[in-house]
Amino acid sequence: MPTASENTLFGMGNPLLDISAVVDKDFLEKYGLKQNDQILAEDKHKALFEEIVKSSRVEYHAGGSTQNSVKIAQWMLQKPHKVATFFGCIGNDRFGEILKKKAEEAHVDARYYEQNEEPTGTCAACITGDNRSLVANLAAANCYKKEKHLDLDSNWELVEKAKVYYIAEAATFAKEQCFETDDIAEIASKTQNLPKVNKKRQRVVVFTQGKDDTVATVGEKVTMFPVLDIDQNDIVDTNGAGDAFVGGFLSELVQERPLEECIRAGHYAANVIIRRVGCTFPEKPEFK
């Protein structure tokens, strides 16, 4: 069976430095936040990021959807390091330095485009009890310049070296394609039949549905895969479950394992992540 090698997996997206801290209800009220919510930062939230950093119990993690997924893929694989390459844009600042350090600790080969116009993107997780209010400030993440980064020979070599590519952000896919159906199996089937340039390889379509079955299609066949059972009391935080599924799935895909194994790894990774605060994981996976 093939095993993954350096830079086999390529991810590109919005790199965010996740900043988690326990806050009180007064803090939420001050910035007009709800206990369990996900919003994009407005001008009134700018001071929030500086204030939360002054908290005594602040934690930093490399975040952003695609970066989370490649980070989890690397965790599932363990060795070799730097199986995953990640491209995105950060600021030339303190948060950017922390993000580089965190990506390095996760053994991801992060090659950021650094610029001075916007600060590094951040996502503040304001924790009150069991609740998390997420405030994302994309900032530098929106400033990526293809010609100044992707087109550089040294970077393009890494794109060409990869065998599996992952870019997230497909939530409104069915609407954009005018599929006119809410049925997940039907959407998967219609996606499967969209035009495809490379005829040598069949398209694989996978949709997750939280606690409901994962839907996958190869060729004409639509298959449902039940997720792992979990006691509701063991669920700590479902944020990042989707990113974790993708990471687990990719960790097997880069080793050319069968679809069933990819999905089993995805379900395992998601099951681990939802038992913990934030998109974090233990030192080693117990996936067999």
C-alpha atoms as a PDB file:
ATOM      1  CA  MET A   1       0.000   0.000   0.000  1.00  0.00           C
ATOM      2  CA  PRO A   2       1.368   3.462  -0.840  1.00  0.00           C
ATOM      3  CA  THR A   3       2.215   5.687   2.099  1.00  0.00           C
ATOM      4  CA  ALA A   4       2.138   9.452   2.074  1.00  0.00           C
ATOM      5  CA  SER A   5       5.305  11.419   1.384  1.00  0.00           C
ATOM      6  CA  GLU A   6       6.232  15.084   1.937  1.00  0.00           C
ATOM      7  CA  ASN A   7       3.981  17.644   0.204  1.00  0.00           C
ATOM      8  CA  THR A   8       1.560  14.995  -1.151  1.00  0.00           C
ATOM      9  CA  LEU A   9      -1.435  16.982   0.109  1.00  0.00           C
ATOM     10  CA  PHE A  10      -1.985  20.601  -0.938  1.00  0.00           C
ATOM     11  CA  GLY A  11      -4.413  22.958   0.814  1.00  0.00           C
ATOM     12  CA  MET A  12      -5.179  26.592   0.163  1.00  0.00           C
ATOM     13  CA  GLY A  13      -7.523  28.877   2.101  1.00  0.00           C
ATOM     14  CA  ASN A  14      -7.970  31.538   4.766  1.00  0.00           C
ATOM     15  CA  PRO A  15      -5.352  31.126   7.509  1.00  0.00           C
ATOM     16  CA  LEU A  16      -6.645  32.384  10.836  1.00  0.00           C
ATOM     17  CA  LEU A  17      -4.992  32.434  14.221  1.00  0.00           C
ATOM     18  CA  ASP A  18      -7.540  30.949  16.623  1.00  0.00           C
ATOM     19  CA  ILE A  19      -7.450  32.806  19.939  1.00  0.00           C
ATOM     20  CA  SER A  20      -9.443  31.122  22.721  1.00  0.00           C
ATOM     21  CA  ALA A  21     -10.079  32.575  26.153  1.00  0.00           C
ATOM     22  CA  VAL A  22     -12.601  32.255  28.951  1.00  0.00           C
ATOM     23  CA  VAL A  23     -14.587  35.487  29.282  1.00  0.00           C
ATOM     24  CA  ASP A  24     -17.534  36.641  31.373  1.00  0.00           C
ATOM     25  CA  LYS A  25     -21.005  37.681  30.266  1.00  0.00           C
ATOM     26  CA  ASP A  26     -20.086  41.365  30.637  1.00  0.00           C
ATOM     27  CA  PHE A  27     -17.435  40.873  27.952  1.00  0.00           C
ATOM     28  CA  LEU A  28     -20.035  39.382  25.570  1.00  0.00           C
ATOM     29  CA  GLU A  29     -22.445  42.239  26.273  1.00  0.00           C
ATOM     30  CA  LYS A  30     -19.722  44.841  25.750  1.00  0.00           C
ATOM     31  CA  TYR A  31     -19.199  43.600  22.177  1.00  0.00           C
ATOM     32  CA  GLY A  32     -22.825  42.623  21.469  1.00  0.00           C
ATOM     33  CA  LEU A  33     -22.088  38.888  21.239  1.00  0.00           C
ATOM     34  CA  LYS A  34     -24.428  35.933  21.761  1.00  0.00           C
ATOM     35  CA  GLN A  35     -23.275  32.902  23.779  1.00  0.00           C
ATOM     36  CA  ASN A  36     -23.330  30.379  20.935  1.00  0.00           C
ATOM     37  CA  ASP A  37     -22.753  32.184  17.672  1.00  0.00           C
ATOM     38  CA  GLN A  38     -20.418  32.624  14.716  1.00  0.00           C
ATOM     39  CA  ILE A  39     -20.030  36.081  13.198  1.00  0.00           C
ATOM     40  CA  LEU A  40     -17.635  38.112  11.086  1.00  0.00           C
ATOM     41  CA  ALA A  41     -16.013  40.984  12.959  1.00  0.00           C
ATOM     42  CA  GLU A  42     -17.294  44.531  12.405  1.00  0.00           C
ATOM     43  CA  ASP A  43     -15.553  47.777  13.361  1.00  0.00           C
ATOM     44  CA  LYS A  44     -17.010  47.570  16.884  1.00  0.00           C
ATOM     45  CA  HIS A  45     -15.170  44.252  17.425  1.00  0.00           C
ATOM     46  CA  LYS A  46     -11.660  45.487  16.519  1.00  0.00           C
ATOM     47  CA  ALA A  47     -10.677  46.165  20.147  1.00  0.00           C
ATOM     48  CA  LEU A  48     -12.008  42.742  21.193  1.00  0.00           C
ATOM     49  CA  PHE A  49      -8.978  40.917  19.774  1.00  0.00           C
ATOM     50  CA  GLU A  50      -6.478  43.026  21.731  1.00  0.00           C
ATOM     51  CA  GLU A  51      -8.560  42.746  24.899  1.00  0.00           C
ATOM     52  CA  ILE A  52      -8.969  38.971  24.732  1.00  0.00           C
ATOM     53  CA  VAL A  53      -5.205  38.505  24.342  1.00  0.00           C
ATOM     54  CA  LYS A  54      -4.710  40.181  27.725  1.00  0.00           C
ATOM     55  CA  SER A  55      -6.771  37.410  29.335  1.00  0.00           C
ATOM     56  CA  SER A  56      -4.757  35.166  31.634  1.00  0.00           C
ATOM     57  CA  ARG A  57      -6.003  31.950  29.989  1.00  0.00           C
ATOM     58  CA  VAL A  58      -5.492  32.568  26.298  1.00  0.00           C
ATOM     59  CA  GLU A  59      -4.678  29.709  23.897  1.00  0.00           C
ATOM     60  CA  TYR A  60      -3.478  29.983  20.295  1.00  0.00           C
ATOM     61  CA  HIS A  61      -4.017  27.488  17.464  1.00  0.00           C
ATOM     62  CA  ALA A  62      -3.496  27.529  13.693  1.00  0.00           C
ATOM     63  CA  GLY A  63      -7.024  27.807  12.323  1.00  0.00           C
ATOM     64  CA  GLY A  64      -9.240  28.542   9.342  1.00  0.00           C
ATOM     65  CA  SER A  65     -11.253  25.762   7.708  1.00  0.00           C
ATOM     66  CA  THR A  66      -8.746  24.394   5.164  1.00  0.00           C
ATOM     67  CA  GLN A  67      -5.774  24.806   7.493  1.00  0.00           C
ATOM     68  CA  ASN A  68      -7.684  22.881  10.198  1.00  0.00           C
ATOM     69  CA  SER A  69      -8.296  20.026   7.759  1.00  0.00           C
ATOM     70  CA  VAL A  70      -4.695  19.672   6.575  1.00  0.00           C
ATOM     71  CA  LYS A  71      -3.509  19.975  10.187  1.00  0.00           C
ATOM     72  CA  ILE A  72      -5.778  17.069  11.208  1.00  0.00           C
ATOM     73  CA  ALA A  73      -4.688  15.026   8.177  1.00  0.00           C
ATOM     74  CA  GLN A  74      -1.088  15.487   9.315  1.00  0.00           C
ATOM     75  CA  TRP A  75      -2.030  14.485  12.895  1.00  0.00           C
ATOM     76  CA  MET A  76      -3.757  11.325  11.646  1.00  0.00           C
ATOM     77  CA  LEU A  77      -0.689  10.405   9.555  1.00  0.00           C
ATOM     78  CA  GLN A  78       1.895  11.407  12.211  1.00  0.00           C
ATOM     79  CA  LYS A  79       4.881  10.573   9.975  1.00  0.00           C
ATOM     80  CA  PRO A  80       6.454  11.749   7.800  1.00  0.00           C
ATOM     81  CA  HIS A  81       6.139  15.396   8.797  1.00  0.00           C
ATOM     82  CA  LYS A  82       5.055  17.990   6.201  1.00  0.00           C
ATOM     83  CA  VAL A  83       2.817  15.669   4.180  1.00  0.00           C
ATOM     84  CA  ALA A  84       0.545  18.705   3.947  1.00  0.00           C
ATOM     85  CA  THR A  85       1.461  21.970   2.229  1.00  0.00           C
ATOM     86  CA  PHE A  86      -0.686  25.022   2.992  1.00  0.00           C
ATOM     87  CA  PHE A  87      -0.859  28.374   1.169  1.00  0.00           C
ATOM     88  CA  GLY A  88      -2.615  31.486   2.428  1.00  0.00           C
ATOM     89  CA  CYS A  89      -1.996  35.124   3.311  1.00  0.00           C
ATOM     90  CA  ILE A  90      -1.001  36.565   6.702  1.00  0.00           C
ATOM     91  CA  GLY A  91       0.202  39.901   8.019  1.00  0.00           C
ATOM     92  CA  ASN A  92       3.776  40.766   8.845  1.00  0.00           C
ATOM     93  CA  ASP A  93       2.996  41.017  12.565  1.00  0.00           C
ATOM     94  CA  ARG A  94       3.014  39.333  15.984  1.00  0.00           C
ATOM     95  CA  PHE A  95      -0.082  37.211  15.308  1.00  0.00           C
ATOM     96  CA  GLY A  96       1.499  36.109  12.028  1.00  0.00           C
ATOM     97  CA  GLU A  97       4.627  34.974  13.886  1.00  0.00           C
ATOM     98  CA  ILE A  98       2.499  32.985  16.358  1.00  0.00           C
ATOM     99  CA  LEU A  99       0.560  31.416  13.466  1.00  0.00           C
ATOM    100  CA  LYS A 100       3.803  30.339  11.749  1.00  0.00           C
ATOM    101  CA  LYS A 101       5.007  28.777  15.001  1.00  0.00           C
ATOM    102  CA  LYS A 102       1.697  26.932  15.536  1.00  0.00           C
ATOM    103  CA  ALA A 103       1.670  25.591  11.964  1.00  0.00           C
ATOM    104  CA  GLU A 104       5.245  24.385  12.468  1.00  0.00           C
ATOM    105  CA  GLU A 105       4.262  22.646  15.726  1.00  0.00           C
ATOM    106  CA  ALA A 106       1.484  20.891  13.788  1.00  0.00           C
ATOM    107  CA  HIS A 107       4.162  19.728  11.261  1.00  0.00           C
ATOM    108  CA  VAL A 108       2.343  21.388   8.348  1.00  0.00           C
ATOM    109  CA  ASP A 109       4.510  22.904   5.599  1.00  0.00           C
ATOM    110  CA  ALA A 110       2.825  26.314   5.715  1.00  0.00           C
ATOM    111  CA  ARG A 111       4.130  28.736   3.058  1.00  0.00           C
ATOM    112  CA  TYR A 112       2.359  31.990   3.810  1.00  0.00           C
ATOM    113  CA  TYR A 113       2.297  35.066   1.615  1.00  0.00           C
ATOM    114  CA  GLU A 114       3.180  37.889   4.034  1.00  0.00           C
ATOM    115  CA  GLN A 115       2.108  41.488   3.454  1.00  0.00           C
ATOM    116  CA  ASN A 116       1.828  44.765   5.421  1.00  0.00           C
ATOM    117  CA  GLU A 117      -1.544  46.133   4.274  1.00  0.00           C
ATOM    118  CA  GLU A 118      -3.743  44.046   6.589  1.00  0.00           C
ATOM    119  CA  PRO A 119      -3.071  42.284   9.907  1.00  0.00           C
ATOM    120  CA  THR A 120      -3.097  38.486  10.232  1.00  0.00           C
ATOM    121  CA  GLY A 121      -6.609  37.050  10.208  1.00  0.00           C
ATOM    122  CA  THR A 122      -7.895  35.960  13.600  1.00  0.00           C
ATOM    123  CA  CYS A 123     -10.821  34.079  15.085  1.00  0.00           C
ATOM    124  CA  ALA A 124     -11.614  34.871  18.704  1.00  0.00           C
ATOM    125  CA  ALA A 125     -13.366  32.101  20.624  1.00  0.00           C
ATOM    126  CA  CYS A 126     -15.003  33.758  23.623  1.00  0.00           C
ATOM    127  CA  ILE A 127     -15.775  30.929  26.055  1.00  0.00           C
ATOM    128  CA  THR A 128     -18.461  31.182  28.749  1.00  0.00           C
ATOM    129  CA  GLY A 129     -19.106  27.863  30.484  1.00  0.00           C
ATOM    130  CA  ASP A 130     -19.932  25.312  27.756  1.00  0.00           C
ATOM    131  CA  ASN A 131     -20.628  28.009  25.153  1.00  0.00           C
ATOM    132  CA  ARG A 132     -18.366  29.544  22.542  1.00  0.00           C
ATOM    133  CA  SER A 133     -18.987  32.769  20.673  1.00  0.00           C
ATOM    134  CA  LEU A 134     -16.775  32.948  17.565  1.00  0.00           C
ATOM    135  CA  VAL A 135     -15.760  36.245  15.991  1.00  0.00           C
ATOM    136  CA  ALA A 136     -13.680  35.972  12.809  1.00  0.00           C
ATOM    137  CA  ASN A 137     -11.677  38.836  11.335  1.00  0.00           C
ATOM    138  CA  LEU A 138     -10.461  37.633   7.902  1.00  0.00           C
ATOM    139  CA  ALA A 139      -8.237  40.699   7.361  1.00  0.00           C
ATOM    140  CA  ALA A 140      -5.009  39.491   5.660  1.00  0.00           C
ATOM    141  CA  ALA A 141      -6.691  36.244   4.567  1.00  0.00           C
ATOM    142  CA  ASN A 142      -8.468  38.307   1.881  1.00  0.00           C
ATOM    143  CA  CYS A 143      -5.202  39.778   0.554  1.00  0.00           C
ATOM    144  CA  TYR A 144      -3.698  36.761  -1.203  1.00  0.00           C
ATOM    145  CA  LYS A 145      -1.940  37.678  -4.458  1.00  0.00           C
ATOM    146  CA  LYS A 146      -1.538  34.819  -6.929  1.00  0.00           C
ATOM    147  CA  GLU A 147       1.178  36.517  -8.970  1.00  0.00           C
ATOM    148  CA  LYS A 148       3.245  37.333  -5.861  1.00  0.00           C
ATOM    149  CA  HIS A 149       3.051  33.892  -4.309  1.00  0.00           C
ATOM    150  CA  LEU A 150       1.433  31.008  -6.225  1.00  0.00           C
ATOM    151  CA  ASP A 151       3.245  31.920  -9.450  1.00  0.00           C
ATOM    152  CA  LEU A 152       6.714  31.862  -7.851  1.00  0.00           C
ATOM    153  CA  ASP A 153       8.644  28.859  -9.157  1.00  0.00           C
ATOM    154  CA  SER A 154       9.552  27.615  -5.668  1.00  0.00           C
ATOM    155  CA  ASN A 155       5.873  27.630  -4.646  1.00  0.00           C
ATOM    156  CA  TRP A 156       4.470  26.263  -7.903  1.00  0.00           C
ATOM    157  CA  GLU A 157       6.875  23.311  -7.555  1.00  0.00           C
ATOM    158  CA  LEU A 158       5.014  22.364  -4.365  1.00  0.00           C
ATOM    159  CA  VAL A 159       1.667  22.554  -6.190  1.00  0.00           C
ATOM    160  CA  GLU A 160       3.011  20.208  -8.862  1.00  0.00           C
ATOM    161  CA  LYS A 161       4.489  17.862  -6.270  1.00  0.00           C
ATOM    162  CA  ALA A 162       1.063  17.277  -4.652  1.00  0.00           C
ATOM    163  CA  LYS A 163      -1.291  14.448  -5.587  1.00  0.00           C
ATOM    164  CA  VAL A 164      -4.349  15.529  -3.588  1.00  0.00           C
ATOM    165  CA  TYR A 165      -5.699  19.104  -3.520  1.00  0.00           C
ATOM    166  CA  TYR A 166      -8.198  20.497  -1.029  1.00  0.00           C
ATOM    167  CA  ILE A 167      -9.910  23.876  -1.060  1.00  0.00           C
ATOM    168  CA  ALA A 168     -13.009  24.340   1.134  1.00  0.00           C
ATOM    169  CA  GLU A 169     -15.859  26.851   0.840  1.00  0.00           C
ATOM    170  CA  ALA A 170     -18.567  24.946  -1.111  1.00  0.00           C
ATOM    171  CA  ALA A 171     -21.587  25.465   1.157  1.00  0.00           C
ATOM    172  CA  THR A 172     -23.863  27.072  -1.438  1.00  0.00           C
ATOM    173  CA  PHE A 173     -22.813  24.679  -4.190  1.00  0.00           C
ATOM    174  CA  ALA A 174     -26.257  23.197  -4.927  1.00  0.00           C
ATOM    175  CA  LYS A 175     -27.853  26.663  -5.143  1.00  0.00           C
ATOM    176  CA  GLU A 176     -25.139  27.947  -7.443  1.00  0.00           C
ATOM    177  CA  GLN A 177     -25.590  24.915  -9.693  1.00  0.00           C
ATOM    178  CA  CYS A 178     -29.415  25.403  -9.708  1.00  0.00           C
ATOM    179  CA  PHE A 179     -30.006  21.779  -8.666  1.00  0.00           C
ATOM    180  CA  GLU A 180     -33.415  22.741  -7.210  1.00  0.00           C
ATOM    181  CA  THR A 181     -33.455  20.009  -4.579  1.00  0.00           C
ATOM    182  CA  ASP A 182     -32.767  19.752  -0.841  1.00  0.00           C
ATOM    183  CA  ASP A 183     -32.267  16.000  -0.934  1.00  0.00           C
ATOM    184  CA  ILE A 184     -28.611  15.357  -0.092  1.00  0.00           C
ATOM    185  CA  ALA A 185     -28.404  12.033  -1.952  1.00  0.00           C
ATOM    186  CA  GLU A 186     -29.876  13.674  -5.064  1.00  0.00           C
ATOM    187  CA  ILE A 187     -27.476  16.653  -4.799  1.00  0.00           C
ATOM    188  CA  ALA A 188     -24.562  14.188  -4.488  1.00  0.00           C
ATOM    189  CA  SER A 189     -25.760  12.308  -7.557  1.00  0.00           C
ATOM    190  CA  LYS A 190     -26.180  15.513  -9.602  1.00  0.00           C
ATOM    191  CA  THR A 191     -22.721  16.713  -8.507  1.00  0.00           C
ATOM    192  CA  GLN A 192     -21.273  13.357  -9.573  1.00  0.00           C
ATOM    193  CA  ASN A 193     -22.664  13.891 -13.088  1.00  0.00           C
ATOM    194  CA  LEU A 194     -21.284  17.399 -13.631  1.00  0.00           C
ATOM    195  CA  PRO A 195     -18.831  17.739 -16.568  1.00  0.00           C
ATOM    196  CA  LYS A 196     -15.338  16.441 -15.809  1.00  0.00           C
ATOM    197  CA  VAL A 197     -12.082  17.081 -17.671  1.00  0.00           C
ATOM    198  CA  ASN A 198     -10.028  14.098 -16.444  1.00  0.00           C
ATOM    199  CA  LYS A 199     -11.902  11.024 -17.685  1.00  0.00           C
ATOM    200  CA  LYS A 200      -9.276   8.603 -16.341  1.00  0.00           C
ATOM    201  CA  ARG A 201     -10.417   9.005 -12.773  1.00  0.00           C
ATOM    202  CA  GLN A 202     -13.983   8.845 -11.479  1.00  0.00           C
ATOM    203  CA  ARG A 203     -15.264  11.738  -9.423  1.00  0.00           C
ATOM    204  CA  VAL A 204     -15.950  10.950  -5.775  1.00  0.00           C
ATOM    205  CA  VAL A 205     -18.562  13.122  -4.022  1.00  0.00           C
ATOM    206  CA  VAL A 206     -18.886  13.114  -0.226  1.00  0.00           C
ATOM    207  CA  PHE A 207     -21.371  15.132   1.859  1.00  0.00           C
ATOM    208  CA  THR A 208     -21.456  15.099   5.658  1.00  0.00           C
ATOM    209  CA  GLN A 209     -24.685  15.799   7.575  1.00  0.00           C
ATOM    210  CA  GLY A 210     -23.636  16.231  11.195  1.00  0.00           C
ATOM    211  CA  LYS A 211     -25.058  13.356  13.231  1.00  0.00           C
ATOM    212  CA  ASP A 212     -26.878  11.924  10.192  1.00  0.00           C
ATOM    213  CA  ASP A 213     -25.376   9.505   7.668  1.00  0.00           C
ATOM    214  CA  THR A 214     -22.501  10.624   5.448  1.00  0.00           C
ATOM    215  CA  VAL A 215     -23.451  10.396   1.762  1.00  0.00           C
ATOM    216  CA  ALA A 216     -20.923   9.305  -0.869  1.00  0.00           C
ATOM    217  CA  THR A 217     -21.121   8.572  -4.578  1.00  0.00           C
ATOM    218  CA  VAL A 218     -18.762   6.825  -6.950  1.00  0.00           C
ATOM    219  CA  GLY A 219     -20.161   6.312 -10.445  1.00  0.00           C
ATOM    220  CA  GLU A 220     -23.917   5.806 -10.315  1.00  0.00           C
ATOM    221  CA  LYS A 221     -23.936   4.366  -6.804  1.00  0.00           C
ATOM    222  CA  VAL A 222     -24.994   6.503  -3.818  1.00  0.00           C
ATOM    223  CA  THR A 223     -23.957   4.979  -0.463  1.00  0.00           C
ATOM    224  CA  MET A 224     -24.879   6.066   3.065  1.00  0.00           C
ATOM    225  CA  PHE A 225     -22.301   5.641   5.854  1.00  0.00           C
ATOM    226  CA  PRO A 226     -23.566   5.924   9.460  1.00  0.00           C
ATOM    227  CA  VAL A 227     -21.451   8.115  11.758  1.00  0.00           C
ATOM    228  CA  LEU A 228     -20.002   6.768  15.028  1.00  0.00           C
ATOM    229  CA  ASP A 229     -22.380   6.711  17.978  1.00  0.00           C
ATOM    230  CA  ILE A 230     -21.619   9.185  20.735  1.00  0.00           C
ATOM    231  CA  ASP A 231     -23.370   9.963  23.996  1.00  0.00           C
ATOM    232  CA  GLN A 232     -24.738  13.520  23.818  1.00  0.00           C
ATOM    233  CA  ASN A 233     -23.090  14.223  27.196  1.00  0.00           C
ATOM    234  CA  ASP A 234     -19.664  13.538  25.662  1.00  0.00           C
ATOM    235  CA  ILE A 235     -20.080  16.245  23.026  1.00  0.00           C
ATOM    236  CA  VAL A 236     -18.131  19.309  24.109  1.00  0.00           C
ATOM    237  CA  ASP A 237     -17.959  21.403  20.931  1.00  0.00           C
ATOM    238  CA  THR A 238     -19.196  20.591  17.407  1.00  0.00           C
ATOM    239  CA  ASN A 239     -17.296  23.481  15.786  1.00  0.00           C
ATOM    240  CA  GLY A 240     -14.578  22.043  13.597  1.00  0.00           C
ATOM    241  CA  ALA A 241     -16.270  18.633  13.223  1.00  0.00           C
ATOM    242  CA  GLY A 242     -16.614  19.113   9.453  1.00  0.00           C
ATOM    243  CA  ASP A 243     -12.994  20.238   9.091  1.00  0.00           C
ATOM    244  CA  ALA A 244     -11.942  17.211  11.155  1.00  0.00           C
ATOM    245  CA  PHE A 245     -13.915  14.828   8.938  1.00  0.00           C
ATOM    246  CA  VAL A 246     -12.137  16.211   5.872  1.00  0.00           C
ATOM    247  CA  GLY A 247      -8.744  15.910   7.593  1.00  0.00           C
ATOM    248  CA  GLY A 248      -9.345  12.272   8.509  1.00  0.00           C
ATOM    249  CA  PHE A 249     -10.666  11.517   5.021  1.00  0.00           C
ATOM    250  CA  LEU A 250      -7.642  13.147   3.344  1.00  0.00           C
ATOM    251  CA  SER A 251      -5.181  11.266   5.575  1.00  0.00           C
ATOM    252  CA  GLU A 252      -6.343   7.980   4.019  1.00  0.00           C
ATOM    253  CA  LEU A 253      -6.901   9.388   0.529  1.00  0.00           C
ATOM    254  CA  VAL A 254      -3.253  10.470   0.213  1.00  0.00           C
ATOM    255  CA  GLN A 255      -2.339   6.835   0.939  1.00  0.00           C
ATOM    256  CA  GLU A 256      -4.699   5.710  -1.843  1.00  0.00           C
ATOM    257  CA  ARG A 257      -6.888   3.755   0.560  1.00  0.00           C
ATOM    258  CA  PRO A 258     -10.463   2.720  -0.432  1.00  0.00           C
ATOM    259  CA  LEU A 259     -13.358   5.186  -0.039  1.00  0.00           C
ATOM    260  CA  GLU A 260     -14.796   3.224   2.920  1.00  0.00           C
ATOM    261  CA  GLU A 261     -11.505   3.616   4.814  1.00  0.00           C
ATOM    262  CA  CYS A 262     -11.319   7.337   3.999  1.00  0.00           C
ATOM    263  CA  ILE A 263     -14.817   7.851   5.399  1.00  0.00           C
ATOM    264  CA  ARG A 264     -14.104   5.691   8.460  1.00  0.00           C
ATOM    265  CA  ALA A 265     -11.038   7.871   9.196  1.00  0.00           C
ATOM    266  CA  GLY A 266     -13.142  11.007   8.685  1.00  0.00           C
ATOM    267  CA  HIS A 267     -15.766   9.787  11.150  1.00  0.00           C
ATOM    268  CA  TYR A 268     -13.038   8.874  13.661  1.00  0.00           C
ATOM    269  CA  ALA A 269     -11.361  12.310  13.473  1.00  0.00           C
ATOM    270  CA  ALA A 270     -14.697  14.158  13.810  1.00  0.00           C
ATOM    271  CA  ASN A 271     -15.627  11.951  16.779  1.00  0.00           C
ATOM    272  CA  VAL A 272     -12.362  12.906  18.528  1.00  0.00           C
ATOM    273  CA  ILE A 273     -12.712  16.634  17.834  1.00  0.00           C
ATOM    274  CA  ILE A 274     -16.293  17.021  19.128  1.00  0.00           C
ATOM    275  CA  ARG A 275     -15.186  15.703  22.530  1.00  0.00           C
ATOM    276  CA  ARG A 276     -12.776  18.638  22.947  1.00  0.00           C
ATOM    277  CA  VAL A 277     -12.900  22.435  23.011  1.00  0.00           C
ATOM    278  CA  GLY A 278     -11.967  23.956  19.652  1.00  0.00           C
ATOM    279  CA  CYS A 279     -10.333  22.133  16.775  1.00  0.00           C
ATOM    280  CA  THR A 280      -7.774  20.382  19.031  1.00  0.00           C
ATOM    281  CA  PHE A 281      -6.679  16.779  19.399  1.00  0.00           C
ATOM    282  CA  PRO A 282      -4.632  14.493  21.670  1.00  0.00           C
ATOM    283  CA  GLU A 283      -0.961  13.808  20.942  1.00  0.00           C
ATOM    284  CA  LYS A 284      -1.620  10.697  18.843  1.00  0.00           C
ATOM    285  CA  PRO A 285      -4.656   9.196  17.111  1.00  0.00           C
ATOM    286  CA  GLU A 286      -5.926   5.718  18.011  1.00  0.00           C
ATOM    287  CA  PHE A 287      -7.210   4.995  14.527  1.00  0.00           C
ATOM    288  CA  LYS A 288      -6.629   1.419  13.399  1.00  0.00           C
END
